[in-house]
Amino acid sequence: MIGINAKIKRGSGELAILALLNQEPLHGYEISKRIAQVTGGVLQFNLASLYPLLYRMEKRGWVKGKWEEARSGRQRRYYHLTPKGKRQLAPLRAEWGMFFQALHRIAGVTPAES
């Protein structure tokens, strides 16, 4: 399988994280695991690349990290989508939609079927 270029992956990471957190709060490892599962392994974020992205998003006010006890009894930092993050999600979706439409027009790239 061909891997996704790191620059493309980083740019798509914000959208992927916001979309997942729009469903429910998650801790970093779970975010990484869900992205890999939902994309069939096409997009994968190791924790070393995921946490800096989460910290930047937290600094922008899109997500809020909060230490909570997991079912295992262990303390984990769960990330919650903030109202500002919710407002950011729709424009990001629209922007990526336009990007894919442009790629389709110029290079015949089509979205993968689910």
N, C-alpha and C. Protein backbone atom coordinates (compact mmCIF):
# COMPACT_ATOMS: atom_id res chain seq x y z
N MET A 1 0.84 -1.17 0.00
CA MET A 1 0.00 0.00 0.00
C MET A 1 0.89 1.25 0.00
N ILE A 2 0.52 2.23 -0.77
CA ILE A 2 1.25 3.49 -0.83
C ILE A 2 0.87 4.32 0.38
N GLY A 3 1.86 4.90 1.05
CA GLY A 3 1.60 5.73 2.21
C GLY A 3 1.19 7.14 1.81
N ILE A 4 0.57 7.83 2.71
CA ILE A 4 0.15 9.21 2.50
C ILE A 4 1.31 10.14 2.88
N ASN A 5 1.59 11.11 2.03
CA ASN A 5 2.63 12.09 2.28
C ASN A 5 2.39 12.78 3.62
N ALA A 6 3.46 13.00 4.38
CA ALA A 6 3.36 13.57 5.73
C ALA A 6 2.67 14.93 5.74
N LYS A 7 2.93 15.77 4.73
CA LYS A 7 2.31 17.10 4.69
C LYS A 7 0.80 17.00 4.49
N ILE A 8 0.38 16.10 3.62
CA ILE A 8 -1.06 15.91 3.40
C ILE A 8 -1.69 15.35 4.66
N LYS A 9 -1.02 14.39 5.28
CA LYS A 9 -1.54 13.78 6.50
C LYS A 9 -1.70 14.81 7.62
N ARG A 10 -0.71 15.68 7.80
CA ARG A 10 -0.79 16.70 8.85
C ARG A 10 -1.98 17.62 8.62
N GLY A 11 -2.17 18.03 7.38
CA GLY A 11 -3.28 18.93 7.06
C GLY A 11 -4.63 18.28 7.29
N SER A 12 -4.74 17.01 7.01
CA SER A 12 -6.01 16.31 7.19
C SER A 12 -6.24 15.94 8.65
N GLY A 13 -5.20 15.96 9.45
CA GLY A 13 -5.32 15.56 10.85
C GLY A 13 -6.27 16.43 11.63
N GLU A 14 -6.24 17.74 11.40
CA GLU A 14 -7.15 18.64 12.11
C GLU A 14 -8.60 18.27 11.85
N LEU A 15 -8.93 18.05 10.59
CA LEU A 15 -10.30 17.69 10.24
C LEU A 15 -10.67 16.35 10.86
N ALA A 16 -9.79 15.37 10.78
CA ALA A 16 -10.07 14.04 11.33
C ALA A 16 -10.31 14.12 12.84
N ILE A 17 -9.46 14.85 13.54
CA ILE A 17 -9.59 14.96 15.00
C ILE A 17 -10.87 15.69 15.38
N LEU A 18 -11.15 16.82 14.73
CA LEU A 18 -12.37 17.56 15.05
C LEU A 18 -13.61 16.71 14.79
N ALA A 19 -13.61 15.97 13.68
CA ALA A 19 -14.77 15.14 13.34
C ALA A 19 -14.97 14.04 14.38
N LEU A 20 -13.89 13.42 14.83
CA LEU A 20 -14.02 12.38 15.86
C LEU A 20 -14.48 12.95 17.19
N LEU A 21 -13.89 14.08 17.59
CA LEU A 21 -14.26 14.68 18.87
C LEU A 21 -15.66 15.27 18.84
N ASN A 22 -16.18 15.53 17.65
CA ASN A 22 -17.56 15.99 17.52
C ASN A 22 -18.53 14.88 17.94
N GLN A 23 -18.07 13.63 17.88
CA GLN A 23 -18.90 12.49 18.28
C GLN A 23 -18.82 12.22 19.79
N GLU A 24 -17.59 12.34 20.34
CA GLU A 24 -17.39 12.09 21.77
C GLU A 24 -15.97 12.46 22.18
N PRO A 25 -15.75 12.78 23.46
CA PRO A 25 -14.39 13.04 23.94
C PRO A 25 -13.55 11.76 23.87
N LEU A 26 -12.29 11.91 23.52
CA LEU A 26 -11.39 10.75 23.40
C LEU A 26 -10.01 11.13 23.93
N HIS A 27 -9.25 10.13 24.37
CA HIS A 27 -7.86 10.39 24.74
C HIS A 27 -6.98 10.15 23.51
N GLY A 28 -5.75 10.61 23.57
CA GLY A 28 -4.87 10.60 22.41
C GLY A 28 -4.71 9.25 21.74
N TYR A 29 -4.45 8.21 22.52
CA TYR A 29 -4.27 6.88 21.93
C TYR A 29 -5.53 6.44 21.20
N GLU A 30 -6.69 6.71 21.79
CA GLU A 30 -7.95 6.33 21.17
C GLU A 30 -8.20 7.11 19.88
N ILE A 31 -7.82 8.38 19.84
CA ILE A 31 -7.93 9.18 18.62
C ILE A 31 -7.10 8.53 17.52
N SER A 32 -5.86 8.20 17.83
CA SER A 32 -4.95 7.58 16.87
C SER A 32 -5.53 6.25 16.35
N LYS A 33 -6.02 5.44 17.28
CA LYS A 33 -6.59 4.13 16.93
C LYS A 33 -7.82 4.28 16.04
N ARG A 34 -8.70 5.21 16.39
CA ARG A 34 -9.94 5.40 15.60
C ARG A 34 -9.65 5.90 14.19
N ILE A 35 -8.70 6.84 14.07
CA ILE A 35 -8.36 7.34 12.73
C ILE A 35 -7.89 6.18 11.86
N ALA A 36 -7.01 5.35 12.39
CA ALA A 36 -6.51 4.19 11.63
C ALA A 36 -7.64 3.24 11.28
N GLN A 37 -8.54 2.94 12.24
CA GLN A 37 -9.66 2.02 12.00
C GLN A 37 -10.60 2.55 10.93
N VAL A 38 -11.04 3.79 11.10
CA VAL A 38 -12.04 4.36 10.19
C VAL A 38 -11.50 4.50 8.76
N THR A 39 -10.21 4.79 8.63
CA THR A 39 -9.63 4.97 7.30
C THR A 39 -9.03 3.69 6.73
N GLY A 40 -9.24 2.58 7.40
CA GLY A 40 -8.68 1.32 6.92
C GLY A 40 -7.16 1.33 6.92
N GLY A 41 -6.57 2.12 7.82
CA GLY A 41 -5.12 2.17 7.93
C GLY A 41 -4.44 3.14 6.97
N VAL A 42 -5.22 3.80 6.12
CA VAL A 42 -4.63 4.74 5.16
C VAL A 42 -4.04 5.94 5.90
N LEU A 43 -4.77 6.47 6.87
CA LEU A 43 -4.25 7.55 7.71
C LEU A 43 -3.88 6.96 9.06
N GLN A 44 -2.64 7.15 9.44
CA GLN A 44 -2.18 6.69 10.75
C GLN A 44 -1.34 7.78 11.38
N PHE A 45 -1.61 8.04 12.64
CA PHE A 45 -0.85 9.03 13.40
C PHE A 45 -0.23 8.34 14.59
N ASN A 46 1.11 8.36 14.65
CA ASN A 46 1.72 7.84 15.87
C ASN A 46 1.59 8.94 16.93
N LEU A 47 1.75 8.56 18.17
CA LEU A 47 1.52 9.52 19.26
C LEU A 47 2.50 10.68 19.21
N ALA A 48 3.71 10.45 18.69
CA ALA A 48 4.71 11.52 18.60
C ALA A 48 4.28 12.62 17.63
N SER A 49 3.48 12.29 16.63
CA SER A 49 3.00 13.31 15.71
C SER A 49 1.60 13.80 16.09
N LEU A 50 0.84 12.98 16.80
CA LEU A 50 -0.52 13.35 17.17
C LEU A 50 -0.56 14.40 18.28
N TYR A 51 0.25 14.21 19.33
CA TYR A 51 0.17 15.13 20.46
C TYR A 51 0.56 16.57 20.12
N PRO A 52 1.59 16.82 19.32
CA PRO A 52 1.86 18.21 18.94
C PRO A 52 0.67 18.85 18.20
N LEU A 53 -0.01 18.05 17.39
CA LEU A 53 -1.19 18.54 16.67
C LEU A 53 -2.31 18.87 17.67
N LEU A 54 -2.53 17.99 18.64
CA LEU A 54 -3.54 18.25 19.66
C LEU A 54 -3.20 19.49 20.48
N TYR A 55 -1.92 19.66 20.82
CA TYR A 55 -1.50 20.84 21.60
C TYR A 55 -1.73 22.13 20.81
N ARG A 56 -1.43 22.11 19.49
CA ARG A 56 -1.69 23.30 18.66
C ARG A 56 -3.18 23.61 18.59
N MET A 57 -3.98 22.56 18.46
CA MET A 57 -5.43 22.75 18.39
C MET A 57 -5.96 23.26 19.73
N GLU A 58 -5.36 22.82 20.82
CA GLU A 58 -5.77 23.30 22.14
C GLU A 58 -5.38 24.77 22.31
N LYS A 59 -4.20 25.13 21.82
CA LYS A 59 -3.74 26.52 21.89
C LYS A 59 -4.68 27.44 21.09
N ARG A 60 -5.22 26.95 19.98
CA ARG A 60 -6.16 27.72 19.16
C ARG A 60 -7.55 27.79 19.79
N GLY A 61 -7.78 26.96 20.81
CA GLY A 61 -9.09 26.95 21.46
C GLY A 61 -10.10 26.02 20.81
N TRP A 62 -9.64 25.12 19.93
CA TRP A 62 -10.54 24.21 19.23
C TRP A 62 -10.88 22.99 20.08
N VAL A 63 -9.92 22.54 20.89
CA VAL A 63 -10.13 21.39 21.77
C VAL A 63 -9.66 21.77 23.16
N LYS A 64 -10.14 21.03 24.15
CA LYS A 64 -9.74 21.24 25.53
C LYS A 64 -9.38 19.88 26.11
N GLY A 65 -8.16 19.76 26.61
CA GLY A 65 -7.74 18.53 27.25
C GLY A 65 -8.02 18.58 28.74
N LYS A 66 -8.49 17.46 29.27
CA LYS A 66 -8.83 17.40 30.70
C LYS A 66 -8.48 16.01 31.22
N TRP A 67 -7.74 15.97 32.33
CA TRP A 67 -7.39 14.68 32.94
C TRP A 67 -8.63 14.06 33.56
N GLU A 68 -8.89 12.81 33.17
CA GLU A 68 -10.05 12.07 33.69
C GLU A 68 -9.63 10.63 33.94
N GLU A 69 -10.39 9.96 34.76
CA GLU A 69 -10.11 8.55 35.02
C GLU A 69 -10.79 7.71 33.95
N ALA A 70 -9.99 6.84 33.32
CA ALA A 70 -10.52 5.93 32.30
C ALA A 70 -11.19 4.74 32.99
N ARG A 71 -11.88 3.91 32.22
CA ARG A 71 -12.53 2.72 32.78
C ARG A 71 -11.53 1.83 33.50
N SER A 72 -10.29 1.84 33.01
CA SER A 72 -9.23 1.01 33.60
C SER A 72 -8.79 1.54 34.96
N GLY A 73 -9.25 2.74 35.32
CA GLY A 73 -8.83 3.37 36.56
C GLY A 73 -7.62 4.26 36.38
N ARG A 74 -7.04 4.23 35.22
CA ARG A 74 -5.87 5.02 34.91
C ARG A 74 -6.26 6.44 34.52
N GLN A 75 -5.45 7.43 34.88
CA GLN A 75 -5.70 8.81 34.48
C GLN A 75 -5.27 9.00 33.03
N ARG A 76 -6.15 9.55 32.23
CA ARG A 76 -5.86 9.85 30.82
C ARG A 76 -6.33 11.26 30.52
N ARG A 77 -5.65 11.89 29.57
CA ARG A 77 -6.06 13.23 29.15
C ARG A 77 -7.06 13.10 28.01
N TYR A 78 -8.30 13.39 28.30
CA TYR A 78 -9.36 13.32 27.30
C TYR A 78 -9.50 14.68 26.64
N TYR A 79 -9.69 14.65 25.34
CA TYR A 79 -9.85 15.88 24.56
C TYR A 79 -11.32 16.03 24.20
N HIS A 80 -11.83 17.23 24.45
CA HIS A 80 -13.22 17.58 24.20
C HIS A 80 -13.24 18.67 23.13
N LEU A 81 -14.22 18.62 22.26
CA LEU A 81 -14.39 19.66 21.26
C LEU A 81 -15.01 20.88 21.93
N THR A 82 -14.44 22.05 21.70
CA THR A 82 -14.97 23.29 22.27
C THR A 82 -15.98 23.90 21.29
N PRO A 83 -16.76 24.87 21.74
CA PRO A 83 -17.66 25.56 20.79
C PRO A 83 -16.89 26.15 19.61
N LYS A 84 -15.70 26.68 19.86
CA LYS A 84 -14.88 27.24 18.78
C LYS A 84 -14.46 26.13 17.81
N GLY A 85 -14.15 24.96 18.33
CA GLY A 85 -13.80 23.81 17.49
C GLY A 85 -14.97 23.35 16.64
N LYS A 86 -16.18 23.36 17.24
CA LYS A 86 -17.38 23.00 16.47
C LYS A 86 -17.59 23.96 15.31
N ARG A 87 -17.36 25.26 15.57
CA ARG A 87 -17.52 26.25 14.50
C ARG A 87 -16.46 26.07 13.42
N GLN A 88 -15.31 25.55 13.75
CA GLN A 88 -14.22 25.34 12.80
C GLN A 88 -14.46 24.12 11.91
N LEU A 89 -15.23 23.17 12.39
CA LEU A 89 -15.44 21.92 11.67
C LEU A 89 -16.11 22.10 10.31
N ALA A 90 -17.18 22.86 10.23
CA ALA A 90 -17.89 23.04 8.95
C ALA A 90 -17.01 23.70 7.89
N PRO A 91 -16.30 24.80 8.20
CA PRO A 91 -15.43 25.38 7.17
C PRO A 91 -14.31 24.44 6.73
N LEU A 92 -13.77 23.65 7.66
CA LEU A 92 -12.72 22.68 7.27
C LEU A 92 -13.29 21.62 6.33
N ARG A 93 -14.48 21.14 6.65
CA ARG A 93 -15.12 20.14 5.77
C ARG A 93 -15.33 20.74 4.38
N ALA A 94 -15.81 21.97 4.32
CA ALA A 94 -16.06 22.63 3.03
C ALA A 94 -14.75 22.82 2.27
N GLU A 95 -13.71 23.24 2.98
CA GLU A 95 -12.41 23.46 2.34
C GLU A 95 -11.85 22.17 1.74
N TRP A 96 -11.92 21.09 2.52
CA TRP A 96 -11.43 19.80 2.00
C TRP A 96 -12.31 19.31 0.85
N GLY A 97 -13.62 19.57 0.92
CA GLY A 97 -14.51 19.19 -0.17
C GLY A 97 -14.13 19.90 -1.47
N MET A 98 -13.84 21.20 -1.38
CA MET A 98 -13.41 21.95 -2.57
C MET A 98 -12.08 21.43 -3.09
N PHE A 99 -11.19 21.08 -2.17
CA PHE A 99 -9.87 20.55 -2.54
C PHE A 99 -10.04 19.25 -3.34
N PHE A 100 -10.90 18.35 -2.86
CA PHE A 100 -11.11 17.08 -3.56
C PHE A 100 -11.81 17.29 -4.90
N GLN A 101 -12.73 18.24 -4.97
CA GLN A 101 -13.39 18.55 -6.25
C GLN A 101 -12.36 19.07 -7.25
N ALA A 102 -11.46 19.92 -6.80
CA ALA A 102 -10.43 20.46 -7.68
C ALA A 102 -9.50 19.35 -8.17
N LEU A 103 -9.11 18.45 -7.27
CA LEU A 103 -8.25 17.32 -7.68
C LEU A 103 -8.98 16.44 -8.69
N HIS A 104 -10.27 16.26 -8.47
CA HIS A 104 -11.04 15.46 -9.41
C HIS A 104 -11.04 16.10 -10.80
N ARG A 105 -11.26 17.41 -10.84
CA ARG A 105 -11.31 18.11 -12.13
C ARG A 105 -9.96 18.09 -12.84
N ILE A 106 -8.89 18.25 -12.11
CA ILE A 106 -7.59 18.37 -12.75
C ILE A 106 -6.89 17.03 -12.98
N ALA A 107 -7.11 16.07 -12.06
CA ALA A 107 -6.36 14.82 -12.13
C ALA A 107 -7.22 13.58 -12.17
N GLY A 108 -8.53 13.76 -12.18
CA GLY A 108 -9.42 12.60 -12.21
C GLY A 108 -9.45 11.81 -10.91
N VAL A 109 -9.03 12.45 -9.82
CA VAL A 109 -9.04 11.80 -8.52
C VAL A 109 -10.46 11.80 -7.99
N THR A 110 -10.94 10.62 -7.60
CA THR A 110 -12.30 10.52 -7.06
C THR A 110 -12.23 9.98 -5.64
N PRO A 111 -13.20 10.33 -4.82
CA PRO A 111 -13.23 9.79 -3.45
C PRO A 111 -13.38 8.29 -3.47
N ALA A 112 -12.77 7.62 -2.52
CA ALA A 112 -12.90 6.17 -2.40
C ALA A 112 -14.30 5.83 -1.94
N GLU A 113 -14.80 4.72 -2.41
CA GLU A 113 -16.13 4.25 -2.00
C GLU A 113 -16.01 3.60 -0.63
N SER A 114 -17.02 3.82 0.21
CA SER A 114 -17.02 3.21 1.56
C SER A 114 -17.49 1.78 1.48
